[in-house]
Protein backbone atom coordinates (compact mmCIF):
# COMPACT_ATOMS: atom_id res chain seq x y z
CA MET A 1 140.60 91.60 66.09
CA SER A 2 143.13 89.98 68.44
CA ASP A 3 145.20 91.18 71.35
CA PRO A 4 148.79 91.26 70.09
CA ILE A 5 150.19 90.71 73.60
CA ASN A 6 148.01 87.86 74.82
CA GLY A 7 146.78 86.49 71.49
CA VAL A 8 143.18 86.71 72.65
CA SER A 9 140.67 87.34 69.92
CA ASN A 10 137.68 89.63 70.27
CA PRO A 11 134.84 88.12 68.19
CA ALA A 12 132.56 91.13 68.69
CA GLY A 13 135.23 93.45 67.45
CA ASN A 14 133.63 96.44 69.12
CA ILE A 15 134.97 96.04 72.65
CA PRO A 16 138.56 97.15 73.06
CA THR A 17 140.74 94.48 74.67
CA GLY A 18 141.37 95.15 78.35
CA SER A 19 138.22 97.18 78.92
CA LYS A 20 134.98 95.98 80.37
CA PRO A 21 131.66 96.47 78.58
CA LYS A 22 129.27 98.87 80.29
CA PRO A 23 126.01 97.29 81.41
CA SER A 24 122.91 98.59 79.71
CA GLN A 25 120.25 100.29 81.78
CA GLU A 26 117.76 97.46 81.22
CA ASN A 27 120.20 94.83 82.54
CA ALA A 28 121.43 96.91 85.47
CA THR A 29 120.68 95.55 88.92
CA PRO A 30 118.95 98.05 91.21
CA PRO A 31 120.91 99.00 94.33
CA VAL A 32 120.13 96.96 97.41
CA SER A 33 119.02 98.85 100.48
CA ALA A 34 121.11 98.17 103.55
CA SER A 35 118.25 98.92 105.93
CA PRO A 36 115.06 96.87 106.13
CA THR A 37 111.93 98.38 104.67
CA THR A 38 109.91 97.69 107.80
CA GLU A 39 110.97 98.69 111.26
CA SER A 40 111.15 95.87 113.79
CA SER A 41 113.06 95.20 116.94
CA ALA A 42 114.96 91.96 117.23
CA VAL A 43 114.83 90.18 120.56
CA VAL A 44 117.26 87.40 121.34
CA ASN A 45 116.57 85.07 124.21
CA LEU A 46 119.44 82.95 125.42
CA THR A 47 118.87 79.64 127.10
CA GLU A 48 120.30 79.03 130.53
CA THR A 49 122.94 76.79 128.95
CA ALA A 50 124.00 79.52 126.53
CA GLU A 51 124.26 82.02 129.37
CA THR A 52 126.37 79.57 131.38
CA LEU A 53 128.64 79.04 128.37
CA GLN A 54 129.10 82.79 128.01
CA ILE A 55 130.07 83.09 131.67
CA LEU A 56 132.53 80.19 131.34
CA GLN A 57 134.03 81.70 128.19
CA LYS A 58 134.65 84.97 130.01
CA GLN A 59 136.20 83.17 132.99
CA LEU A 60 138.51 81.20 130.69
CA ALA A 61 139.49 84.34 128.80
CA ASP A 62 140.34 86.08 132.06
CA ALA A 63 142.29 83.14 133.52
CA PRO A 64 146.02 82.90 132.89
CA ALA A 65 147.01 80.24 130.35
CA VAL A 66 149.81 79.00 132.60
CA ASP A 67 150.07 78.54 136.36
CA GLN A 68 153.40 80.29 136.72
CA GLN A 69 153.59 79.64 140.47
CA LYS A 70 153.33 75.88 139.90
CA ILE A 71 155.96 76.01 137.16
CA ASP A 72 158.34 77.93 139.43
CA SER A 73 157.87 75.47 142.30
CA ILE A 74 158.57 72.48 140.01
CA LYS A 75 161.67 74.21 138.61
CA GLN A 76 162.92 74.84 142.11
CA ALA A 77 162.27 71.24 143.14
CA LEU A 78 164.16 70.01 140.06
CA LEU A 79 167.12 72.27 140.84
CA GLU A 80 167.21 71.01 144.42
CA GLY A 81 166.80 67.36 143.38
CA LYS A 82 163.58 67.07 145.38
CA TYR A 83 161.16 66.45 142.49
CA GLN A 84 159.95 62.87 142.57
CA VAL A 85 158.21 61.25 139.60
CA ASP A 86 155.49 58.74 140.48
CA ALA A 87 155.99 56.09 137.78
CA ASP A 88 152.69 54.37 138.59
CA LYS A 89 150.77 57.62 138.16
CA VAL A 90 152.50 58.33 134.83
CA ALA A 91 151.71 54.81 133.61
CA GLU A 92 148.05 55.16 134.62
CA LYS A 93 147.77 58.41 132.66
CA PHE A 94 149.34 56.78 129.59
CA ILE A 95 146.78 53.97 129.83
CA GLU A 96 143.93 56.52 130.10
CA ILE A 97 145.17 58.32 127.00
CA GLU A 98 145.48 55.07 125.04
CA LYS A 99 141.95 54.03 126.07
CA ALA A 100 140.59 57.41 125.02
CA LEU A 101 142.24 56.94 121.63
CA GLY A 102 140.75 53.43 121.41
CA LYS A 103 144.07 51.59 121.21
CA VAL A 104 143.77 49.44 124.36
C-alpha cells in the first residue's frame, strides 16, 4: 500500500498512513515519578568567593548602565567648546589595547 499524496509505501500494510502505531503494553515505558522515593534535604554551602560574586552581581544589576551626569557634563563642555582631548592619553590607551590584543 502506498500513500497517494507523498508516494510513501507502507510495507506492513496494516498501519494507515499518517497515523502512529500504538505501543503494546509490554513495550510501554512506566511513568517516571517527579518526586524522589526517599526524603532528603539538600544543603548547599557556598564558598566565600561565590558569596562575594553574588554580592557583586547584585551591585552591578542595581547600578545604572550609564553615568548620565558625566555624559551631560561632557555634552555641555562640547557645546561650550571647553572639552579638551588629551592626545597623549588617547595614544596610551590605544597602545594598551593593542598590547592586550597581542599586536604590539
